[in-house]
C-alpha atoms as a PDB file:
ATOM      1  CA  MET A   1      10.392   4.379  18.980  1.00  0.00           C
ATOM      2  CA  GLU A   2       7.999   2.056  20.826  1.00  0.00           C
ATOM      3  CA  GLN A   3       8.855  -1.646  20.716  1.00  0.00           C
ATOM      4  CA  ILE A   4       6.028  -3.905  19.584  1.00  0.00           C
ATOM      5  CA  GLU A   5       5.510  -7.051  21.620  1.00  0.00           C
ATOM      6  CA  MET A   6       4.526 -10.083  19.618  1.00  0.00           C
ATOM      7  CA  ASN A   7       4.136 -13.622  20.841  1.00  0.00           C
ATOM      8  CA  VAL A   8       6.138 -15.219  18.057  1.00  0.00           C
ATOM      9  CA  GLY A   9       7.012 -18.239  20.187  1.00  0.00           C
ATOM     10  CA  GLN A  10       3.370 -19.090  20.777  1.00  0.00           C
ATOM     11  CA  ALA A  11       2.650 -18.701  17.049  1.00  0.00           C
ATOM     12  CA  ILE A  12       5.524 -21.037  16.139  1.00  0.00           C
ATOM     13  CA  LYS A  13       4.386 -23.649  18.648  1.00  0.00           C
ATOM     14  CA  MET A  14       0.751 -23.381  17.563  1.00  0.00           C
ATOM     15  CA  CYS A  15       1.685 -23.872  13.898  1.00  0.00           C
ATOM     16  CA  ARG A  16       4.130 -26.665  14.706  1.00  0.00           C
ATOM     17  CA  THR A  17       1.601 -28.643  16.719  1.00  0.00           C
ATOM     18  CA  ARG A  18      -1.114 -28.089  14.092  1.00  0.00           C
ATOM     19  CA  ARG A  19       1.271 -29.456  11.483  1.00  0.00           C
ATOM     20  CA  GLY A  20       2.069 -32.443  13.721  1.00  0.00           C
ATOM     21  CA  VAL A  21       5.789 -31.676  13.648  1.00  0.00           C
ATOM     22  CA  SER A  22       8.104 -32.330  16.594  1.00  0.00           C
ATOM     23  CA  GLN A  23      10.568 -29.719  17.813  1.00  0.00           C
ATOM     24  CA  THR A  24      13.390 -31.972  16.636  1.00  0.00           C
ATOM     25  CA  GLU A  25      11.972 -32.252  13.131  1.00  0.00           C
ATOM     26  CA  LEU A  26      11.292 -28.522  12.845  1.00  0.00           C
ATOM     27  CA  ALA A  27      14.755 -27.692  14.156  1.00  0.00           C
ATOM     28  CA  GLN A  28      16.284 -29.909  11.466  1.00  0.00           C
ATOM     29  CA  ARG A  29      14.099 -28.376   8.749  1.00  0.00           C
ATOM     30  CA  SER A  30      14.929 -24.858   9.960  1.00  0.00           C
ATOM     31  CA  ASP A  31      18.660 -25.383  10.450  1.00  0.00           C
ATOM     32  CA  CYS A  32      18.619 -24.496  14.141  1.00  0.00           C
ATOM     33  CA  SER A  33      19.089 -26.416  17.366  1.00  0.00           C
ATOM     34  CA  VAL A  34      16.241 -27.971  19.326  1.00  0.00           C
ATOM     35  CA  SER A  35      17.250 -25.965  22.394  1.00  0.00           C
ATOM     36  CA  TYR A  36      17.116 -22.699  20.418  1.00  0.00           C
ATOM     37  CA  LEU A  37      13.697 -23.599  18.995  1.00  0.00           C
ATOM     38  CA  SER A  38      12.499 -24.418  22.510  1.00  0.00           C
ATOM     39  CA  MET A  39      13.744 -21.037  23.745  1.00  0.00           C
ATOM     40  CA  LEU A  40      11.899 -19.334  20.869  1.00  0.00           C
ATOM     41  CA  GLU A  41       8.666 -21.170  21.660  1.00  0.00           C
ATOM     42  CA  ASN A  42       9.007 -20.138  25.314  1.00  0.00           C
ATOM     43  CA  ASN A  43       9.696 -16.506  24.315  1.00  0.00           C
ATOM     44  CA  LYS A  44      13.169 -16.599  25.853  1.00  0.00           C
ATOM     45  CA  ARG A  45      14.768 -15.526  22.565  1.00  0.00           C
ATOM     46  CA  ASP A  46      13.715 -13.270  19.703  1.00  0.00           C
ATOM     47  CA  PRO A  47      14.345 -14.747  16.269  1.00  0.00           C
ATOM     48  CA  THR A  48      15.847 -12.794  13.420  1.00  0.00           C
ATOM     49  CA  LEU A  49      13.739 -12.387  10.319  1.00  0.00           C
ATOM     50  CA  SER A  50      15.906 -14.908   8.473  1.00  0.00           C
ATOM     51  CA  THR A  51      15.431 -17.468  11.264  1.00  0.00           C
ATOM     52  CA  LEU A  52      11.697 -16.857  11.326  1.00  0.00           C
ATOM     53  CA  THR A  53      11.608 -17.261   7.550  1.00  0.00           C
ATOM     54  CA  ARG A  54      13.441 -20.605   7.809  1.00  0.00           C
ATOM     55  CA  ILE A  55      11.006 -21.750  10.505  1.00  0.00           C
ATOM     56  CA  ALA A  56       8.018 -20.716   8.376  1.00  0.00           C
ATOM     57  CA  HIS A  57       9.548 -22.625   5.465  1.00  0.00           C
ATOM     58  CA  GLY A  58      10.050 -25.655   7.731  1.00  0.00           C
ATOM     59  CA  LEU A  59       6.379 -25.452   8.704  1.00  0.00           C
ATOM     60  CA  SER A  60       5.227 -24.856   5.106  1.00  0.00           C
ATOM     61  CA  VAL A  61       3.379 -21.687   6.107  1.00  0.00           C
ATOM     62  CA  PRO A  62       3.756 -18.114   4.896  1.00  0.00           C
ATOM     63  CA  VAL A  63       5.852 -16.079   7.308  1.00  0.00           C
ATOM     64  CA  GLY A  64       2.988 -13.568   7.329  1.00  0.00           C
ATOM     65  CA  ILE A  65       0.779 -16.164   9.026  1.00  0.00           C
ATOM     66  CA  LEU A  66       3.304 -16.399  11.868  1.00  0.00           C
ATOM     67  CA  PHE A  67       3.313 -12.606  12.194  1.00  0.00           C
ATOM     68  CA  PHE A  68      -0.484 -12.428  12.152  1.00  0.00           C
ATOM     69  CA  LEU A  69      -0.896 -15.202  14.726  1.00  0.00           C
ATOM     70  CA  ALA A  70       1.781 -13.572  16.893  1.00  0.00           C
ATOM     71  CA  ALA A  71       0.198 -10.124  16.848  1.00  0.00           C
ATOM     72  CA  GLU A  72      -1.329  -8.737  20.005  1.00  0.00           C
ATOM     73  CA  ARG A  73      -4.802  -7.214  19.738  1.00  0.00           C
ATOM     74  CA  GLU A  74      -3.434  -3.651  19.904  1.00  0.00           C
ATOM     75  CA  GLU A  75      -1.129  -4.365  16.961  1.00  0.00           C
ATOM     76  CA  LEU A  76      -4.048  -5.155  14.681  1.00  0.00           C
ATOM     77  CA  GLY A  77      -5.017  -1.497  14.651  1.00  0.00           C
ATOM     78  CA  GLY A  78      -8.639  -0.866  13.925  1.00  0.00           C
ATOM     79  CA  MET A  79      -9.336  -4.403  12.716  1.00  0.00           C
ATOM     80  CA  ASP A  80     -12.641  -5.685  13.978  1.00  0.00           C
ATOM     81  CA  ARG A  81     -12.088  -8.188  16.782  1.00  0.00           C
ATOM     82  CA  GLU A  82     -14.514 -10.680  15.272  1.00  0.00           C
ATOM     83  CA  LEU A  83     -12.784 -10.461  11.884  1.00  0.00           C
ATOM     84  CA  ALA A  84      -9.362 -10.964  13.478  1.00  0.00           C
ATOM     85  CA  GLY A  85     -10.653 -14.046  15.306  1.00  0.00           C
ATOM     86  CA  GLU A  86     -12.171 -15.464  12.130  1.00  0.00           C
ATOM     87  CA  LEU A  87      -8.930 -14.898  10.202  1.00  0.00           C
ATOM     88  CA  ALA A  88      -6.935 -16.644  12.930  1.00  0.00           C
ATOM     89  CA  ARG A  89      -9.347 -19.607  12.993  1.00  0.00           C
ATOM     90  CA  THR A  90      -9.186 -19.902   9.204  1.00  0.00           C
ATOM     91  CA  ALA A  91      -5.385 -19.792   9.235  1.00  0.00           C
ATOM     92  CA  LEU A  92      -5.262 -22.530  11.867  1.00  0.00           C
ATOM     93  CA  GLU A  93      -7.734 -24.675   9.921  1.00  0.00           C
ATOM     94  CA  LEU A  94      -5.526 -24.359   6.838  1.00  0.00           C
ATOM     95  CA  LEU A  95      -2.569 -25.585   8.877  1.00  0.00           C
ATOM     96  CA  SER A  96      -4.419 -28.841   9.458  1.00  0.00           C
ATOM     97  CA  GLU A  97      -4.675 -29.535   5.726  1.00  0.00           C
ATOM     98  CA  PRO A  98      -2.072 -31.579   3.818  1.00  0.00           C
ATOM     99  CA  VAL A  99       0.900 -29.601   2.558  1.00  0.00           C
ATOM    100  CA  ASP A 100       1.326 -29.155  -1.198  1.00  0.00           C
ATOM    101  CA  ASP A 101       5.095 -28.868  -1.613  1.00  0.00           C
ATOM    102  CA  GLN A 102       4.624 -27.399  -5.077  1.00  0.00           C
ATOM    103  CA  LEU A 103       3.081 -24.160  -3.786  1.00  0.00           C
ATOM    104  CA  PRO A 104       5.292 -21.209  -2.790  1.00  0.00           C
ATOM    105  CA  PHE A 105       4.697 -20.160   0.799  1.00  0.00           C
ATOM    106  CA  VAL A 106       7.503 -17.794   1.782  1.00  0.00           C
END
């Protein structure tokens, strides 16, 4: 089976910076170390699904957003390139809005 390459680290960092959250704060929220989070963001480690879910929770974003932002162009199948770009821009704009802690996101 072919392994799919995703840039999860870049997606985590992009969401974290959009949210205005430091690595230290996200590590605390996600119950992981700062050094591990740094390694994830630099694609030196691959997170488990449970770790990625905790990180998404710490960022107050759906884990699906992390997967979408991490996907390489080839992984989006036949999705129109313009549509994929618009979806990514919209997701990033939403990350700049205040977080409503009452809404489920994971």
